[in-house]
Protein backbone atom coordinates (compact mmCIF):
# COMPACT_ATOMS: atom_id res chain seq x y z
CA MET A 1 15.75 -47.09 14.83
CA ALA A 2 12.12 -48.25 16.08
CA GLY A 3 9.33 -47.61 14.06
CA HIS A 4 11.44 -46.77 10.83
CA ARG A 5 13.88 -49.39 10.27
CA THR A 6 14.07 -52.90 9.82
CA LEU A 7 16.34 -55.51 8.52
CA THR A 8 15.75 -57.95 5.95
CA ILE A 9 17.78 -60.67 4.01
CA ILE A 10 17.81 -61.43 0.34
CA LYS A 11 18.31 -65.20 0.71
CA PRO A 12 20.72 -67.29 -0.78
CA ASP A 13 17.96 -68.94 -3.22
CA ALA A 14 17.03 -65.46 -4.65
CA PHE A 15 20.61 -64.05 -4.81
CA ALA A 16 21.86 -67.22 -6.64
CA SER A 17 18.80 -66.98 -9.05
CA GLY A 18 19.65 -63.30 -10.12
CA LYS A 19 16.42 -61.64 -8.24
CA ALA A 20 18.14 -59.32 -5.56
CA GLY A 21 17.95 -56.62 -7.99
CA LYS A 22 14.27 -57.18 -8.74
CA ILE A 23 13.63 -57.60 -5.04
CA ILE A 24 15.35 -54.36 -4.06
CA ALA A 25 13.59 -52.26 -7.10
CA HIS A 26 10.20 -54.08 -5.99
CA LEU A 27 10.91 -52.72 -2.18
CA GLU A 28 12.12 -49.54 -3.45
CA GLY A 29 8.86 -49.17 -5.39
CA GLN A 30 6.96 -49.67 -2.19
CA GLY A 31 8.49 -46.59 -0.70
CA PHE A 32 11.48 -48.38 1.15
CA LYS A 33 15.01 -46.73 1.29
CA VAL A 34 18.13 -48.76 1.42
CA VAL A 35 19.94 -47.58 4.31
CA ALA A 36 22.46 -50.28 4.70
CA ALA A 37 23.39 -53.36 2.49
CA ARG A 38 26.29 -55.97 2.39
CA VAL A 39 26.82 -59.28 0.11
CA MET A 40 28.04 -62.12 2.29
CA ARG A 41 27.87 -65.59 2.75
CA LEU A 42 27.12 -66.76 6.26
CA THR A 43 29.29 -69.20 8.31
CA ALA A 44 27.81 -71.95 10.20
CA ALA A 45 28.65 -70.05 13.48
CA GLN A 46 26.77 -66.87 12.34
CA ALA A 47 23.65 -68.53 11.04
CA GLY A 48 23.55 -70.46 14.38
CA GLU A 49 23.81 -67.36 16.17
CA PHE A 50 21.51 -65.22 14.07
CA TYR A 51 18.64 -67.74 14.11
CA ALA A 52 19.51 -69.02 17.77
CA VAL A 53 15.60 -68.17 18.59
CA HIS A 54 14.91 -71.21 16.60
CA GLN A 55 17.43 -73.57 18.12
CA GLU A 56 14.70 -75.78 19.39
CA ARG A 57 12.63 -76.03 16.39
CA PRO A 58 12.78 -79.14 14.12
CA PHE A 59 13.73 -76.73 11.18
CA PHE A 60 16.69 -75.01 12.71
CA ALA A 61 19.30 -77.39 11.02
CA SER A 62 17.78 -77.10 7.66
CA LEU A 63 17.25 -73.39 7.91
CA THR A 64 21.02 -72.79 9.05
CA ALA A 65 22.11 -75.07 6.33
CA PHE A 66 20.38 -73.37 3.74
CA MET A 67 21.51 -69.93 4.73
CA THR A 68 24.95 -70.94 4.59
CA SER A 69 24.69 -72.39 1.18
CA GLY A 70 25.37 -69.39 -1.03
CA THR A 71 25.49 -65.67 -1.03
CA CYS A 72 23.07 -63.48 0.77
CA MET A 73 22.26 -59.89 1.15
CA PRO A 74 21.12 -58.24 4.64
CA MET A 75 19.88 -54.92 4.41
CA VAL A 76 18.47 -52.24 6.53
CA LEU A 77 15.56 -50.44 5.04
CA GLU A 78 13.75 -47.51 6.03
CA LYS A 79 9.96 -46.24 5.93
CA ALA A 80 7.45 -45.40 8.27
CA ASP A 81 6.26 -48.34 10.22
CA ALA A 82 9.06 -50.29 8.46
CA VAL A 83 8.59 -53.70 10.38
CA SER A 84 4.87 -53.97 9.65
CA ALA A 85 5.16 -52.28 6.11
CA LEU A 86 7.95 -54.86 5.12
CA ARG A 87 6.11 -57.84 6.27
CA THR A 88 3.11 -56.83 4.08
CA ALA A 89 5.42 -56.33 1.23
CA ILE A 90 7.00 -59.67 1.40
CA GLY A 91 3.86 -61.77 1.90
CA ALA A 92 3.39 -65.18 3.73
CA THR A 93 6.17 -67.45 4.22
CA ASP A 94 4.68 -69.99 2.00
CA PRO A 95 4.46 -68.42 -1.51
CA ALA A 96 1.53 -70.51 -2.37
CA GLN A 97 -0.35 -68.59 0.27
CA ALA A 98 1.29 -65.21 -0.20
CA GLU A 99 -0.93 -62.25 -1.72
CA PRO A 100 -0.55 -61.17 -5.35
CA GLY A 101 2.15 -58.86 -5.75
CA THR A 102 4.44 -59.68 -2.81
CA VAL A 103 7.95 -60.36 -2.92
CA ARG A 104 7.28 -64.34 -2.07
CA LYS A 105 4.55 -64.51 -4.47
CA LEU A 106 6.71 -63.07 -7.45
CA TYR A 107 10.14 -64.55 -6.32
CA ALA A 108 10.02 -67.43 -3.83
CA GLU A 109 10.19 -71.05 -4.70
CA SER A 110 8.63 -72.55 -1.78
CA LYS A 111 8.20 -72.21 1.77
CA GLU A 112 11.74 -73.14 2.66
CA ARG A 113 13.35 -71.56 -0.21
CA ASN A 114 11.33 -68.36 0.42
CA ALA A 115 13.68 -65.38 -1.05
CA ILE A 116 13.52 -62.93 1.74
CA HIS A 117 13.88 -62.64 5.57
CA ALA A 118 12.28 -59.50 7.59
CA SER A 119 12.36 -58.65 10.88
CA ASP A 120 9.23 -59.53 13.13
CA SER A 121 9.40 -56.64 15.71
CA ASP A 122 10.94 -53.42 16.34
CA GLU A 123 13.19 -55.02 19.10
CA ASN A 124 14.17 -57.87 16.61
CA ALA A 125 14.71 -55.43 13.89
CA ALA A 126 17.25 -53.28 15.99
CA ARG A 127 19.10 -56.40 17.25
CA GLU A 128 19.26 -57.94 13.61
CA ALA A 129 20.51 -54.74 12.52
CA ALA A 130 23.34 -54.66 14.71
CA PHE A 131 24.25 -58.27 13.88
CA PHE A 132 25.16 -57.24 10.54
CA PHE A 133 26.03 -53.56 10.66
CA ALA A 134 28.01 -51.23 12.72
CA GLU A 135 25.93 -48.28 14.21
CA ALA A 136 28.58 -45.97 12.59
CA ASP A 137 27.08 -47.71 8.94
CA LEU A 138 23.72 -46.89 10.12
CA LEU A 139 24.40 -43.29 11.65
CA ALA A 140 26.19 -42.34 8.38
CA ALA A 141 23.26 -43.23 6.08
CA ARG A 142 21.13 -40.24 7.99
């Protein structure tokens, strides 16, 4: 998976406001291929495990509460240099600071309700994809 695949999550704010299709179309328009996707609602235990790296940060409780507040859509995307390309495509965490034409500039509500998650490294992309998808799901997409 290294280099060519990454994980993203369309977060509850964007999913609930009907922006998921627009976000997917935007990413496909930038050359990403959807390899795996599912619609789900995270439990508190799942959100806590997924975001455990932030457990000591002051925003951990609000982040996990937000991520369990509604339906989200984890996806594995494929493209050359996928992690870097996706992070460029989604823009800065704060949509007020995001570049024009990025997902967050177009669809995020605020720094906290920022529409989309993206893995920050190839290692985390592999770990995060395995959190949501079985290896067989990812192999079947080849």
